[in-house]
Full PDB file with SEQRES, HELIX, SHEET, SSBOND, CRYST1, ORIGX, SCALE, CONECT and MASTER records, all heavy atoms in Angstrom:
SEQRES   1 A   29  TYR ASN ILE SER SER GLN ILE LEU PHE LYS ILE LEU GLU          
SEQRES   2 A   29  ASN ARG GLN GLN VAL PRO GLU VAL VAL GLY MET PHE GLN          
SEQRES   3 A   29  LYS GLU VAL                                                  
HELIX    1 AA1 SER A    4  GLU A   13  1                                  10    
CRYST1    1.000    1.000    1.000  90.00  90.00  90.00 P 1           1          
ORIGX1      1.000000  0.000000  0.000000        0.00000                         
ORIGX2      0.000000  1.000000  0.000000        0.00000                         
ORIGX3      0.000000  0.000000  1.000000        0.00000                         
SCALE1      1.000000  0.000000  0.000000        0.00000                         
SCALE2      0.000000  1.000000  0.000000        0.00000                         
SCALE3      0.000000  0.000000  1.000000        0.00000                         
ATOM      1  N   TYR A   1      -6.361 -11.045  15.085  1.00  0.00           N  
ATOM      2  CA  TYR A   1      -7.565 -10.155  15.328  1.00  0.00           C  
ATOM      3  C   TYR A   1      -7.310  -9.218  16.523  1.00  0.00           C  
ATOM      4  O   TYR A   1      -7.939  -8.168  16.557  1.00  0.00           O  
ATOM      5  CB  TYR A   1      -8.719 -11.008  15.736  1.00  0.00           C  
ATOM      6  CG  TYR A   1      -9.331 -11.898  14.501  1.00  0.00           C  
ATOM      7  CD1 TYR A   1     -10.198 -12.914  14.652  1.00  0.00           C  
ATOM      8  CD2 TYR A   1      -8.802 -11.615  13.249  1.00  0.00           C  
ATOM      9  CE1 TYR A   1     -10.711 -13.595  13.670  1.00  0.00           C  
ATOM     10  CE2 TYR A   1      -9.267 -12.473  12.121  1.00  0.00           C  
ATOM     11  CZ  TYR A   1     -10.108 -13.448  12.376  1.00  0.00           C  
ATOM     12  OH  TYR A   1     -10.527 -14.225  11.307  1.00  0.00           O  
ATOM     13  N   ASN A   2      -6.399  -9.489  17.449  1.00  0.00           N  
ATOM     14  CA  ASN A   2      -6.118  -8.584  18.578  1.00  0.00           C  
ATOM     15  C   ASN A   2      -5.386  -7.387  18.161  1.00  0.00           C  
ATOM     16  O   ASN A   2      -5.377  -6.408  18.943  1.00  0.00           O  
ATOM     17  CB  ASN A   2      -5.491  -9.402  19.681  1.00  0.00           C  
ATOM     18  CG  ASN A   2      -4.094  -9.958  19.217  1.00  0.00           C  
ATOM     19  OD1 ASN A   2      -3.884 -10.037  18.077  1.00  0.00           O  
ATOM     20  ND2 ASN A   2      -3.333 -10.383  20.185  1.00  0.00           N  
ATOM     21  N   ILE A   3      -4.821  -7.307  17.049  1.00  0.00           N  
ATOM     22  CA  ILE A   3      -4.059  -6.084  16.599  1.00  0.00           C  
ATOM     23  C   ILE A   3      -4.607  -5.682  15.166  1.00  0.00           C  
ATOM     24  O   ILE A   3      -3.909  -4.841  14.503  1.00  0.00           O  
ATOM     25  CB  ILE A   3      -2.601  -6.331  16.536  1.00  0.00           C  
ATOM     26  CG1 ILE A   3      -2.156  -7.443  15.601  1.00  0.00           C  
ATOM     27  CG2 ILE A   3      -2.100  -6.439  17.967  1.00  0.00           C  
ATOM     28  CD1 ILE A   3      -0.635  -7.440  15.331  1.00  0.00           C  
ATOM     29  N   SER A   4      -5.711  -6.016  14.787  1.00  0.00           N  
ATOM     30  CA  SER A   4      -6.256  -5.796  13.379  1.00  0.00           C  
ATOM     31  C   SER A   4      -6.356  -4.240  13.153  1.00  0.00           C  
ATOM     32  O   SER A   4      -5.974  -3.783  12.037  1.00  0.00           O  
ATOM     33  CB  SER A   4      -7.527  -6.477  13.059  1.00  0.00           C  
ATOM     34  OG  SER A   4      -8.485  -6.229  14.033  1.00  0.00           O  
ATOM     35  N   SER A   5      -6.880  -3.477  14.052  1.00  0.00           N  
ATOM     36  CA  SER A   5      -6.987  -2.089  13.897  1.00  0.00           C  
ATOM     37  C   SER A   5      -5.631  -1.429  13.840  1.00  0.00           C  
ATOM     38  O   SER A   5      -5.440  -0.499  12.949  1.00  0.00           O  
ATOM     39  CB  SER A   5      -7.886  -1.463  15.027  1.00  0.00           C  
ATOM     40  OG  SER A   5      -9.145  -1.876  14.864  1.00  0.00           O  
ATOM     41  N   GLN A   6      -4.815  -1.821  14.645  1.00  0.00           N  
ATOM     42  CA  GLN A   6      -3.326  -1.351  14.537  1.00  0.00           C  
ATOM     43  C   GLN A   6      -2.708  -1.583  13.180  1.00  0.00           C  
ATOM     44  O   GLN A   6      -1.955  -0.671  12.689  1.00  0.00           O  
ATOM     45  CB  GLN A   6      -2.491  -1.916  15.688  1.00  0.00           C  
ATOM     46  CG  GLN A   6      -2.926  -1.536  17.173  1.00  0.00           C  
ATOM     47  CD  GLN A   6      -2.329  -2.331  18.138  1.00  0.00           C  
ATOM     48  OE1 GLN A   6      -2.913  -3.272  18.656  1.00  0.00           O  
ATOM     49  NE2 GLN A   6      -1.174  -1.975  18.600  1.00  0.00           N  
ATOM     50  N   ILE A   7      -2.978  -2.718  12.683  1.00  0.00           N  
ATOM     51  CA  ILE A   7      -2.488  -3.089  11.401  1.00  0.00           C  
ATOM     52  C   ILE A   7      -2.982  -2.078  10.283  1.00  0.00           C  
ATOM     53  O   ILE A   7      -2.242  -1.627   9.452  1.00  0.00           O  
ATOM     54  CB  ILE A   7      -2.651  -4.547  11.000  1.00  0.00           C  
ATOM     55  CG1 ILE A   7      -1.891  -5.465  11.854  1.00  0.00           C  
ATOM     56  CG2 ILE A   7      -2.499  -4.817   9.541  1.00  0.00           C  
ATOM     57  CD1 ILE A   7      -2.229  -6.947  11.696  1.00  0.00           C  
ATOM     58  N   LEU A   8      -4.273  -1.837  10.392  1.00  0.00           N  
ATOM     59  CA  LEU A   8      -4.810  -0.995   9.442  1.00  0.00           C  
ATOM     60  C   LEU A   8      -4.354   0.491   9.484  1.00  0.00           C  
ATOM     61  O   LEU A   8      -4.091   1.125   8.510  1.00  0.00           O  
ATOM     62  CB  LEU A   8      -6.371  -1.061   9.484  1.00  0.00           C  
ATOM     63  CG  LEU A   8      -7.031  -2.335   9.024  1.00  0.00           C  
ATOM     64  CD1 LEU A   8      -8.477  -2.393   9.508  1.00  0.00           C  
ATOM     65  CD2 LEU A   8      -6.948  -2.369   7.472  1.00  0.00           C  
ATOM     66  N   PHE A   9      -4.148   0.925  10.734  1.00  0.00           N  
ATOM     67  CA  PHE A   9      -3.608   2.336  10.931  1.00  0.00           C  
ATOM     68  C   PHE A   9      -2.109   2.388  10.521  1.00  0.00           C  
ATOM     69  O   PHE A   9      -1.750   3.397   9.951  1.00  0.00           O  
ATOM     70  CB  PHE A   9      -3.770   2.768  12.293  1.00  0.00           C  
ATOM     71  CG  PHE A   9      -5.142   3.262  12.623  1.00  0.00           C  
ATOM     72  CD1 PHE A   9      -6.129   2.583  13.426  1.00  0.00           C  
ATOM     73  CD2 PHE A   9      -5.573   4.500  12.111  1.00  0.00           C  
ATOM     74  CE1 PHE A   9      -7.403   2.979  13.685  1.00  0.00           C  
ATOM     75  CE2 PHE A   9      -6.887   4.988  12.351  1.00  0.00           C  
ATOM     76  CZ  PHE A   9      -7.763   4.257  12.983  1.00  0.00           C  
ATOM     77  N   LYS A  10      -1.437   1.261  10.671  1.00  0.00           N  
ATOM     78  CA  LYS A  10      -0.075   1.198  10.168  1.00  0.00           C  
ATOM     79  C   LYS A  10       0.022   1.357   8.583  1.00  0.00           C  
ATOM     80  O   LYS A  10       0.751   2.050   8.070  1.00  0.00           O  
ATOM     81  CB  LYS A  10       0.684  -0.112  10.602  1.00  0.00           C  
ATOM     82  CG  LYS A  10       1.966  -0.388   9.911  1.00  0.00           C  
ATOM     83  CD  LYS A  10       3.110   0.130  10.591  1.00  0.00           C  
ATOM     84  CE  LYS A  10       4.484  -0.391  10.198  1.00  0.00           C  
ATOM     85  NZ  LYS A  10       5.609   0.136  10.885  1.00  0.00           N  
ATOM     86  N   ILE A  11      -1.037   0.703   7.945  1.00  0.00           N  
ATOM     87  CA  ILE A  11      -1.071   0.705   6.540  1.00  0.00           C  
ATOM     88  C   ILE A  11      -1.500   2.179   6.131  1.00  0.00           C  
ATOM     89  O   ILE A  11      -0.906   2.663   5.156  1.00  0.00           O  
ATOM     90  CB  ILE A  11      -2.076  -0.350   6.003  1.00  0.00           C  
ATOM     91  CG1 ILE A  11      -1.522  -1.723   6.244  1.00  0.00           C  
ATOM     92  CG2 ILE A  11      -2.439  -0.134   4.621  1.00  0.00           C  
ATOM     93  CD1 ILE A  11      -2.501  -2.886   6.088  1.00  0.00           C  
ATOM     94  N   LEU A  12      -2.350   2.728   6.808  1.00  0.00           N  
ATOM     95  CA  LEU A  12      -2.744   4.187   6.501  1.00  0.00           C  
ATOM     96  C   LEU A  12      -1.623   5.152   6.573  1.00  0.00           C  
ATOM     97  O   LEU A  12      -1.502   5.952   5.704  1.00  0.00           O  
ATOM     98  CB  LEU A  12      -3.883   4.529   7.463  1.00  0.00           C  
ATOM     99  CG  LEU A  12      -5.321   4.125   7.087  1.00  0.00           C  
ATOM    100  CD1 LEU A  12      -6.194   4.427   8.260  1.00  0.00           C  
ATOM    101  CD2 LEU A  12      -5.833   4.838   5.774  1.00  0.00           C  
ATOM    102  N   GLU A  13      -0.776   4.989   7.528  1.00  0.00           N  
ATOM    103  CA  GLU A  13       0.414   5.752   7.708  1.00  0.00           C  
ATOM    104  C   GLU A  13       1.294   5.665   6.583  1.00  0.00           C  
ATOM    105  O   GLU A  13       2.153   6.648   6.230  1.00  0.00           O  
ATOM    106  CB  GLU A  13       1.177   5.516   8.983  1.00  0.00           C  
ATOM    107  CG  GLU A  13       0.346   5.893  10.277  1.00  0.00           C  
ATOM    108  CD  GLU A  13       1.068   5.283  11.554  1.00  0.00           C  
ATOM    109  OE1 GLU A  13       2.133   4.747  11.484  1.00  0.00           O  
ATOM    110  OE2 GLU A  13       0.361   5.360  12.642  1.00  0.00           O  
ATOM    111  N   ASN A  14       1.300   4.493   5.842  1.00  0.00           N  
ATOM    112  CA  ASN A  14       2.257   4.166   4.841  1.00  0.00           C  
ATOM    113  C   ASN A  14       1.458   4.053   3.535  1.00  0.00           C  
ATOM    114  O   ASN A  14       1.876   3.352   2.590  1.00  0.00           O  
ATOM    115  CB  ASN A  14       3.054   2.985   5.090  1.00  0.00           C  
ATOM    116  CG  ASN A  14       3.943   3.107   6.284  1.00  0.00           C  
ATOM    117  OD1 ASN A  14       5.110   3.519   6.209  1.00  0.00           O  
ATOM    118  ND2 ASN A  14       3.451   2.784   7.534  1.00  0.00           N  
ATOM    119  N   ARG A  15       0.303   4.680   3.321  1.00  0.00           N  
ATOM    120  CA  ARG A  15      -0.563   4.530   2.167  1.00  0.00           C  
ATOM    121  C   ARG A  15      -0.027   4.806   0.881  1.00  0.00           C  
ATOM    122  O   ARG A  15      -0.366   4.214  -0.066  1.00  0.00           O  
ATOM    123  CB  ARG A  15      -1.796   5.386   2.450  1.00  0.00           C  
ATOM    124  CG  ARG A  15      -1.594   6.781   2.634  1.00  0.00           C  
ATOM    125  CD  ARG A  15      -2.874   7.622   3.034  1.00  0.00           C  
ATOM    126  NE  ARG A  15      -2.592   9.028   3.305  1.00  0.00           N  
ATOM    127  CZ  ARG A  15      -2.303   9.444   4.569  1.00  0.00           C  
ATOM    128  NH1 ARG A  15      -2.030   8.590   5.545  1.00  0.00           N  
ATOM    129  NH2 ARG A  15      -2.041  10.774   4.627  1.00  0.00           N  
ATOM    130  N   GLN A  16       1.060   5.692   0.845  1.00  0.00           N  
ATOM    131  CA  GLN A  16       1.579   6.071  -0.409  1.00  0.00           C  
ATOM    132  C   GLN A  16       2.501   4.902  -0.966  1.00  0.00           C  
ATOM    133  O   GLN A  16       2.745   4.847  -2.231  1.00  0.00           O  
ATOM    134  CB  GLN A  16       2.551   7.233  -0.326  1.00  0.00           C  
ATOM    135  CG  GLN A  16       1.856   8.508   0.305  1.00  0.00           C  
ATOM    136  CD  GLN A  16       0.641   9.073  -0.459  1.00  0.00           C  
ATOM    137  OE1 GLN A  16       0.114   8.408  -1.229  1.00  0.00           O  
ATOM    138  NE2 GLN A  16       0.313  10.318  -0.198  1.00  0.00           N  
ATOM    139  N   GLN A  17       2.765   3.880  -0.089  1.00  0.00           N  
ATOM    140  CA  GLN A  17       3.687   2.767  -0.518  1.00  0.00           C  
ATOM    141  C   GLN A  17       2.924   1.492  -0.592  1.00  0.00           C  
ATOM    142  O   GLN A  17       3.409   0.547  -1.114  1.00  0.00           O  
ATOM    143  CB  GLN A  17       4.874   2.551   0.617  1.00  0.00           C  
ATOM    144  CG  GLN A  17       5.998   2.015   0.009  1.00  0.00           C  
ATOM    145  CD  GLN A  17       7.153   1.885   1.052  1.00  0.00           C  
ATOM    146  OE1 GLN A  17       7.004   2.382   2.110  1.00  0.00           O  
ATOM    147  NE2 GLN A  17       8.251   1.142   0.799  1.00  0.00           N  
ATOM    148  N   VAL A  18       1.627   1.503  -0.202  1.00  0.00           N  
ATOM    149  CA  VAL A  18       0.855   0.301  -0.178  1.00  0.00           C  
ATOM    150  C   VAL A  18      -0.404   0.404  -1.164  1.00  0.00           C  
ATOM    151  O   VAL A  18      -1.443   0.948  -0.685  1.00  0.00           O  
ATOM    152  CB  VAL A  18       0.414  -0.132   1.189  1.00  0.00           C  
ATOM    153  CG1 VAL A  18      -0.257  -1.530   1.275  1.00  0.00           C  
ATOM    154  CG2 VAL A  18       1.680  -0.134   2.145  1.00  0.00           C  
ATOM    155  N   PRO A  19      -0.256  -0.001  -2.423  1.00  0.00           N  
ATOM    156  CA  PRO A  19      -1.381   0.132  -3.276  1.00  0.00           C  
ATOM    157  C   PRO A  19      -2.585  -0.850  -3.145  1.00  0.00           C  
ATOM    158  O   PRO A  19      -3.693  -0.650  -3.640  1.00  0.00           O  
ATOM    159  CB  PRO A  19      -0.822  -0.038  -4.677  1.00  0.00           C  
ATOM    160  CG  PRO A  19       0.480  -0.781  -4.472  1.00  0.00           C  
ATOM    161  CD  PRO A  19       0.894  -0.487  -3.013  1.00  0.00           C  
ATOM    162  N   GLU A  20      -2.318  -1.948  -2.502  1.00  0.00           N  
ATOM    163  CA  GLU A  20      -3.310  -2.997  -2.295  1.00  0.00           C  
ATOM    164  C   GLU A  20      -3.137  -3.837  -0.989  1.00  0.00           C  
ATOM    165  O   GLU A  20      -1.999  -4.147  -0.628  1.00  0.00           O  
ATOM    166  CB  GLU A  20      -3.430  -3.930  -3.589  1.00  0.00           C  
ATOM    167  CG  GLU A  20      -4.546  -4.883  -3.456  1.00  0.00           C  
ATOM    168  CD  GLU A  20      -4.709  -5.729  -4.735  1.00  0.00           C  
ATOM    169  OE1 GLU A  20      -3.700  -6.063  -5.379  1.00  0.00           O  
ATOM    170  OE2 GLU A  20      -5.802  -6.061  -5.129  1.00  0.00           O  
ATOM    171  N   VAL A  21      -4.214  -4.112  -0.397  1.00  0.00           N  
ATOM    172  CA  VAL A  21      -4.314  -4.958   0.799  1.00  0.00           C  
ATOM    173  C   VAL A  21      -5.361  -6.000   0.667  1.00  0.00           C  
ATOM    174  O   VAL A  21      -6.506  -5.623   0.304  1.00  0.00           O  
ATOM    175  CB  VAL A  21      -4.528  -4.126   2.112  1.00  0.00           C  
ATOM    176  CG1 VAL A  21      -4.465  -5.058   3.301  1.00  0.00           C  
ATOM    177  CG2 VAL A  21      -3.431  -2.948   2.279  1.00  0.00           C  
ATOM    178  N   VAL A  22      -5.052  -7.272   0.972  1.00  0.00           N  
ATOM    179  CA  VAL A  22      -6.174  -8.239   1.040  1.00  0.00           C  
ATOM    180  C   VAL A  22      -5.969  -8.896   2.417  1.00  0.00           C  
ATOM    181  O   VAL A  22      -4.925  -9.371   2.645  1.00  0.00           O  
ATOM    182  CB  VAL A  22      -6.031  -9.347  -0.120  1.00  0.00           C  
ATOM    183  CG1 VAL A  22      -6.985 -10.427   0.210  1.00  0.00           C  
ATOM    184  CG2 VAL A  22      -6.405  -8.633  -1.461  1.00  0.00           C  
ATOM    185  N   GLY A  23      -7.028  -8.956   3.192  1.00  0.00           N  
ATOM    186  CA  GLY A  23      -6.775  -9.514   4.499  1.00  0.00           C  
ATOM    187  C   GLY A  23      -8.021 -10.167   5.165  1.00  0.00           C  
ATOM    188  O   GLY A  23      -9.238  -9.731   4.794  1.00  0.00           O  
ATOM    189  N   MET A  24      -7.727 -11.028   5.951  1.00  0.00           N  
ATOM    190  CA  MET A  24      -8.756 -11.744   6.847  1.00  0.00           C  
ATOM    191  C   MET A  24      -8.831 -10.939   8.171  1.00  0.00           C  
ATOM    192  O   MET A  24      -7.892 -10.861   8.822  1.00  0.00           O  
ATOM    193  CB  MET A  24      -8.381 -13.141   7.062  1.00  0.00           C  
ATOM    194  CG  MET A  24      -9.465 -13.898   8.001  1.00  0.00           C  
ATOM    195  SD  MET A  24     -10.568 -14.956   7.038  1.00  0.00           S  
ATOM    196  CE  MET A  24      -9.456 -16.206   6.486  1.00  0.00           C  
ATOM    197  N   PHE A  25     -10.088 -10.652   8.447  1.00  0.00           N  
ATOM    198  CA  PHE A  25     -10.331  -9.875   9.749  1.00  0.00           C  
ATOM    199  C   PHE A  25     -11.492 -10.498  10.456  1.00  0.00           C  
ATOM    200  O   PHE A  25     -12.294 -11.189   9.815  1.00  0.00           O  
ATOM    201  CB  PHE A  25     -10.577  -8.356   9.508  1.00  0.00           C  
ATOM    202  CG  PHE A  25      -9.497  -7.562   8.918  1.00  0.00           C  
ATOM    203  CD1 PHE A  25      -9.292  -7.508   7.533  1.00  0.00           C  
ATOM    204  CD2 PHE A  25      -8.615  -6.950   9.654  1.00  0.00           C  
ATOM    205  CE1 PHE A  25      -8.270  -6.810   7.004  1.00  0.00           C  
ATOM    206  CE2 PHE A  25      -7.583  -6.195   9.231  1.00  0.00           C  
ATOM    207  CZ  PHE A  25      -7.444  -6.054   7.836  1.00  0.00           C  
ATOM    208  N   GLN A  26     -11.721 -10.138  11.676  1.00  0.00           N  
ATOM    209  CA  GLN A  26     -12.979 -10.398  12.371  1.00  0.00           C  
ATOM    210  C   GLN A  26     -14.060  -9.749  11.524  1.00  0.00           C  
ATOM    211  O   GLN A  26     -14.027  -8.648  11.118  1.00  0.00           O  
ATOM    212  CB  GLN A  26     -12.906  -9.948  13.822  1.00  0.00           C  
ATOM    213  CG  GLN A  26     -14.186 -10.255  14.636  1.00  0.00           C  
ATOM    214  CD  GLN A  26     -14.018  -9.713  16.028  1.00  0.00           C  
ATOM    215  OE1 GLN A  26     -12.837  -9.684  16.609  1.00  0.00           O  
ATOM    216  NE2 GLN A  26     -15.158  -9.327  16.690  1.00  0.00           N  
ATOM    217  N   LYS A  27     -15.131 -10.488  11.381  1.00  0.00           N  
ATOM    218  CA  LYS A  27     -16.212  -9.903  10.548  1.00  0.00           C  
ATOM    219  C   LYS A  27     -16.649  -8.557  10.897  1.00  0.00           C  
ATOM    220  O   LYS A  27     -16.915  -7.642  10.001  1.00  0.00           O  
ATOM    221  CB  LYS A  27     -17.436 -10.931  10.513  1.00  0.00           C  
ATOM    222  CG  LYS A  27     -18.536 -10.589   9.559  1.00  0.00           C  
ATOM    223  CD  LYS A  27     -19.600 -11.779   9.523  1.00  0.00           C  
ATOM    224  CE  LYS A  27     -20.576 -11.490   8.492  1.00  0.00           C  
ATOM    225  NZ  LYS A  27     -21.663 -10.442   8.817  1.00  0.00           N  
ATOM    226  N   GLU A  28     -16.763  -8.239  12.205  1.00  0.00           N  
ATOM    227  CA  GLU A  28     -17.158  -7.008  12.624  1.00  0.00           C  
ATOM    228  C   GLU A  28     -16.189  -5.882  12.189  1.00  0.00           C  
ATOM    229  O   GLU A  28     -16.630  -4.778  11.914  1.00  0.00           O  
ATOM    230  CB  GLU A  28     -17.194  -7.051  14.329  1.00  0.00           C  
ATOM    231  CG  GLU A  28     -17.632  -5.824  14.883  1.00  0.00           C  
ATOM    232  CD  GLU A  28     -17.538  -5.892  16.450  1.00  0.00           C  
ATOM    233  OE1 GLU A  28     -18.097  -6.946  16.980  1.00  0.00           O  
ATOM    234  OE2 GLU A  28     -17.083  -5.067  17.123  1.00  0.00           O  
ATOM    235  N   VAL A  29     -14.934  -6.108  12.294  1.00  0.00           N  
ATOM    236  CA  VAL A  29     -13.918  -5.159  11.728  1.00  0.00           C  
ATOM    237  C   VAL A  29     -14.041  -4.935  10.295  1.00  0.00           C  
ATOM    238  O   VAL A  29     -14.041  -3.900   9.802  1.00  0.00           O  
ATOM    239  CB  VAL A  29     -12.493  -5.549  12.114  1.00  0.00           C  
ATOM    240  CG1 VAL A  29     -11.425  -4.632  11.616  1.00  0.00           C  
ATOM    241  CG2 VAL A  29     -12.409  -5.667  13.709  1.00  0.00           C  
TER     242      VAL A  29                                                      
MASTER        0    0    0    1    0    0    0    6  241    1    0    3          
END                                                                             
């Protein structure tokens, strides 16, 4: 949870290579 936003931005940067993400996050995020 302490790096969840960073994980999502990393995925966004590589969005052409990542067609699907399933993840557990803090409910607020």
